[in-house]
Amino acid sequence: MPTQLQHALDYMRLGGWVMIPIGVCSVAMWMFIAERLRMFRELGRGDVSVAEAIAVVSDGAELRPVEGLRARLVRGYLAERSGYPEIDCQVMRHSAMKLRGLLRARLAAIAVLAAVAPLLGLLGTVLGMIETFDVIAFFGTSNAKAMAGGISVALITTQGGLVVAIPGLYISGNLSRKSRHLETMLDEITTVLVRHIRNHANPVREDDAP
């Protein structure tokens, strides 16, 4: 493993300083991807049904300790509900809005990092070609070893940018589709629960107030 790591570092060194921001983009992008995959896995691992969510909201049934999308929505609502239907409808919408932000978090950053990587690779290509032309202007075409440095920078940075961008853009698209699917589910359950609160919940009476 140390030998393989050393080979990778030597290869990146041939690409010049542009490989540093490309590497930073790669590390940050994969950290965000791992966090999103973990989040979506938690949301899909276990959840309450629509009937269970309605029972918890209207009848005070116990909410199961799961981390699914509906369960999180209901849990956020229970933490802030007032007992007044009109206010509680807004509380439910507010809970849904916070969950929507959670679903979209870091997706834009992943897409930006995946798009920036090939641009950095293109920058390395330009710098490598400039270096190559400088060598040609100074030595002519007879010094192949001197020309190889610029060509290495041009090709390795291009390759590095594409290696980061291709899987990043593919995974970014999949995560965005998953997020849109969950947002659709969130909108549906929010509409159902808000309608149920408006039609069935009773306001807190003054003699019941603490």
Protein backbone atom coordinates (compact mmCIF):
# COMPACT_ATOMS: atom_id res chain seq x y z
CA MET A 1 0.00 0.00 0.00
CA PRO A 2 2.77 2.58 0.77
CA THR A 3 4.38 1.76 -2.60
CA GLN A 4 1.10 2.30 -4.43
CA LEU A 5 0.56 5.56 -2.56
CA GLN A 6 4.06 6.70 -3.47
CA HIS A 7 3.41 5.92 -7.13
CA ALA A 8 0.17 7.92 -7.00
CA LEU A 9 1.93 10.89 -5.40
CA ASP A 10 4.73 10.75 -7.95
CA TYR A 11 2.17 10.65 -10.75
CA MET A 12 0.32 13.65 -9.33
CA ARG A 13 3.61 15.52 -8.93
CA LEU A 14 4.18 15.21 -12.67
CA GLY A 15 0.96 17.18 -13.20
CA GLY A 16 2.30 20.21 -11.39
CA TRP A 17 0.59 22.49 -8.91
CA VAL A 18 -2.78 22.27 -10.71
CA MET A 19 -3.16 18.74 -9.33
CA ILE A 20 -3.44 20.21 -5.82
CA PRO A 21 -6.79 22.03 -6.37
CA ILE A 22 -8.01 19.06 -8.44
CA GLY A 23 -7.19 16.79 -5.49
CA VAL A 24 -8.92 19.16 -3.06
CA CYS A 25 -12.02 19.17 -5.28
CA SER A 26 -11.98 15.38 -5.37
CA VAL A 27 -11.66 14.96 -1.59
CA ALA A 28 -14.38 17.54 -0.84
CA MET A 29 -16.72 16.12 -3.48
CA TRP A 30 -16.43 12.55 -2.21
CA MET A 31 -16.92 13.68 1.40
CA PHE A 32 -20.16 15.40 0.39
CA ILE A 33 -21.24 12.39 -1.66
CA ALA A 34 -20.61 10.03 1.27
CA GLU A 35 -22.63 12.29 3.58
CA ARG A 36 -25.56 12.44 1.13
CA LEU A 37 -25.54 8.67 0.60
CA ARG A 38 -25.60 8.14 4.36
CA MET A 39 -28.47 10.61 4.76
CA PHE A 40 -30.58 9.07 2.00
CA ARG A 41 -29.88 5.59 3.37
CA GLU A 42 -31.16 6.69 6.79
CA LEU A 43 -34.29 8.21 5.26
CA GLY A 44 -35.05 4.98 3.41
CA ARG A 45 -34.08 2.51 6.12
CA GLY A 46 -37.32 2.69 8.14
CA ASP A 47 -40.34 4.95 8.19
CA VAL A 48 -43.89 5.24 9.45
CA SER A 49 -46.83 4.78 7.12
CA VAL A 50 -49.23 7.57 6.20
CA ALA A 51 -51.84 6.05 8.54
CA GLU A 52 -49.34 5.98 11.42
CA ALA A 53 -48.37 9.60 10.77
CA ILE A 54 -52.03 10.65 10.86
CA ALA A 55 -52.58 8.68 14.07
CA VAL A 56 -49.62 10.37 15.76
CA VAL A 57 -50.68 13.85 14.64
CA SER A 58 -54.37 13.55 15.49
CA ASP A 59 -54.69 10.90 18.20
CA GLY A 60 -51.40 11.33 20.05
CA ALA A 61 -50.19 7.83 19.17
CA GLU A 62 -46.57 7.08 19.98
CA LEU A 63 -44.12 7.75 17.17
CA ARG A 64 -41.83 4.84 16.41
CA PRO A 65 -38.08 5.58 16.81
CA VAL A 66 -37.25 5.54 13.10
CA GLU A 67 -35.50 8.14 10.95
CA GLY A 68 -37.57 7.98 7.77
CA LEU A 69 -38.86 11.03 5.94
CA ARG A 70 -42.42 10.90 7.35
CA ALA A 71 -41.14 10.19 10.84
CA ARG A 72 -38.82 13.20 10.74
CA LEU A 73 -41.62 15.41 9.45
CA VAL A 74 -43.98 14.35 12.24
CA ARG A 75 -41.25 14.60 14.87
CA GLY A 76 -40.46 18.15 13.82
CA TYR A 77 -44.15 19.01 13.93
CA LEU A 78 -44.66 17.52 17.39
CA ALA A 79 -41.75 19.54 18.76
CA GLU A 80 -43.39 22.85 17.79
CA ARG A 81 -47.15 22.33 17.57
CA SER A 82 -49.39 24.75 19.45
CA GLY A 83 -52.75 22.96 19.56
CA TYR A 84 -54.44 25.52 17.29
CA PRO A 85 -55.29 24.16 13.83
CA GLU A 86 -54.34 27.23 11.80
CA ILE A 87 -51.04 27.66 13.60
CA ASP A 88 -50.32 23.93 13.45
CA CYS A 89 -50.82 23.91 9.69
CA GLN A 90 -48.05 26.51 9.45
CA VAL A 91 -45.92 24.47 11.85
CA MET A 92 -46.30 21.41 9.63
CA ARG A 93 -45.35 23.42 6.53
CA HIS A 94 -42.36 24.86 8.36
CA SER A 95 -41.23 21.37 9.37
CA ALA A 96 -41.55 20.28 5.73
CA MET A 97 -39.56 23.31 4.58
CA LYS A 98 -36.68 22.43 6.91
CA LEU A 99 -36.70 18.84 5.65
CA ARG A 100 -36.68 20.08 2.05
CA GLY A 101 -33.56 22.07 2.81
CA LEU A 102 -32.00 18.96 4.35
CA LEU A 103 -32.74 16.96 1.20
CA ARG A 104 -31.14 19.57 -1.05
CA ALA A 105 -28.10 20.23 1.13
CA ARG A 106 -24.70 19.89 -0.58
CA LEU A 107 -26.17 18.71 -3.90
CA ALA A 108 -25.28 22.01 -5.56
CA ALA A 109 -21.77 21.86 -4.06
CA ILE A 110 -21.24 18.34 -5.45
CA ALA A 111 -22.33 19.44 -8.92
CA VAL A 112 -20.10 22.54 -8.80
CA LEU A 113 -17.04 20.59 -7.68
CA ALA A 114 -17.61 18.00 -10.41
CA ALA A 115 -17.90 20.77 -13.00
CA VAL A 116 -14.87 22.71 -11.76
CA ALA A 117 -12.49 19.72 -11.86
CA PRO A 118 -12.30 19.43 -15.70
CA LEU A 119 -11.89 23.21 -15.93
CA LEU A 120 -8.87 22.96 -13.66
CA GLY A 121 -7.66 20.12 -15.86
CA LEU A 122 -8.05 22.41 -18.87
CA LEU A 123 -6.03 25.07 -17.05
CA GLY A 124 -3.29 22.51 -16.53
CA THR A 125 -3.45 21.63 -20.22
CA VAL A 126 -2.95 25.26 -21.18
CA LEU A 127 -0.07 25.69 -18.73
CA GLY A 128 1.54 22.49 -19.99
CA MET A 129 1.27 23.59 -23.61
CA ILE A 130 2.73 27.00 -22.75
CA GLU A 131 5.64 25.27 -21.05
CA THR A 132 6.12 23.04 -24.07
CA PHE A 133 6.12 25.96 -26.50
CA ASP A 134 8.62 27.81 -24.31
CA VAL A 135 10.94 24.81 -24.52
CA ILE A 136 10.50 24.62 -28.28
CA ALA A 137 11.23 28.32 -28.61
CA PHE A 138 14.42 27.96 -26.56
CA PHE A 139 15.77 24.56 -27.64
CA GLY A 140 13.83 23.83 -30.81
CA THR A 141 12.32 20.40 -31.30
CA SER A 142 15.57 18.53 -30.68
CA ASN A 143 15.24 18.34 -26.86
CA ALA A 144 12.50 15.77 -26.39
CA LYS A 145 13.21 15.36 -22.66
CA ALA A 146 12.62 19.03 -21.98
CA MET A 147 9.40 18.96 -24.02
CA ALA A 148 8.14 15.92 -22.10
CA GLY A 149 7.69 17.93 -18.89
CA GLY A 150 5.17 20.30 -20.43
CA ILE A 151 3.36 17.51 -22.23
CA SER A 152 3.13 15.53 -18.97
CA VAL A 153 1.56 18.51 -17.21
CA ALA A 154 -0.93 18.97 -20.06
CA LEU A 155 -2.04 15.33 -20.21
CA ILE A 156 -1.97 14.40 -16.54
CA THR A 157 -4.01 17.42 -15.41
CA THR A 158 -6.57 16.77 -18.15
CA GLN A 159 -6.82 13.15 -17.08
CA GLY A 160 -7.06 14.12 -13.39
CA GLY A 161 -9.88 16.58 -14.03
CA LEU A 162 -11.86 14.02 -16.04
CA VAL A 163 -11.30 11.27 -13.46
CA VAL A 164 -12.86 13.53 -10.82
CA ALA A 165 -15.63 14.93 -13.03
CA ILE A 166 -17.07 11.83 -14.72
CA PRO A 167 -18.12 9.85 -11.60
CA GLY A 168 -18.95 13.10 -9.80
CA LEU A 169 -21.44 14.25 -12.44
CA TYR A 170 -22.98 10.78 -12.68
CA ILE A 171 -23.46 10.46 -8.92
CA SER A 172 -24.64 14.07 -8.67
CA GLY A 173 -27.40 13.30 -11.17
CA ASN A 174 -28.47 10.21 -9.24
CA LEU A 175 -28.50 12.07 -5.93
CA SER A 176 -30.54 14.90 -7.45
CA ARG A 177 -33.12 12.43 -8.77
CA LYS A 178 -33.31 10.76 -5.36
CA SER A 179 -33.77 14.15 -3.72
CA ARG A 180 -36.58 15.12 -6.11
CA HIS A 181 -38.31 11.79 -5.44
CA LEU A 182 -38.13 12.34 -1.69
CA GLU A 183 -39.34 15.94 -2.08
CA THR A 184 -42.38 14.65 -3.97
CA MET A 185 -43.09 12.22 -1.13
CA LEU A 186 -42.62 15.04 1.36
CA ASP A 187 -45.08 17.31 -0.48
CA GLU A 188 -47.67 14.53 -0.60
CA ILE A 189 -47.53 13.64 3.09
CA THR A 190 -47.42 17.32 4.09
CA THR A 191 -50.58 18.01 2.07
CA VAL A 192 -52.34 15.03 3.67
CA LEU A 193 -51.35 15.99 7.21
CA VAL A 194 -52.17 19.68 6.80
CA ARG A 195 -55.60 18.79 5.44
CA HIS A 196 -56.11 16.38 8.33
CA ILE A 197 -55.07 18.98 10.91
CA ARG A 198 -57.39 21.58 9.40
CA ASN A 199 -60.37 19.21 9.26
CA HIS A 200 -59.99 17.26 12.49
CA ALA A 201 -57.85 19.09 15.05
CA ASN A 202 -59.59 21.10 17.77
CA PRO A 203 -58.18 24.32 19.19
CA VAL A 204 -56.99 24.34 22.76
CA ARG A 205 -59.73 25.65 25.00
CA GLU A 206 -58.95 28.25 27.64
CA ASP A 207 -59.93 25.92 30.50
CA ASP A 208 -57.53 23.27 29.10
CA ALA A 209 -54.64 25.67 28.84
CA PRO A 210 -51.94 25.22 31.47
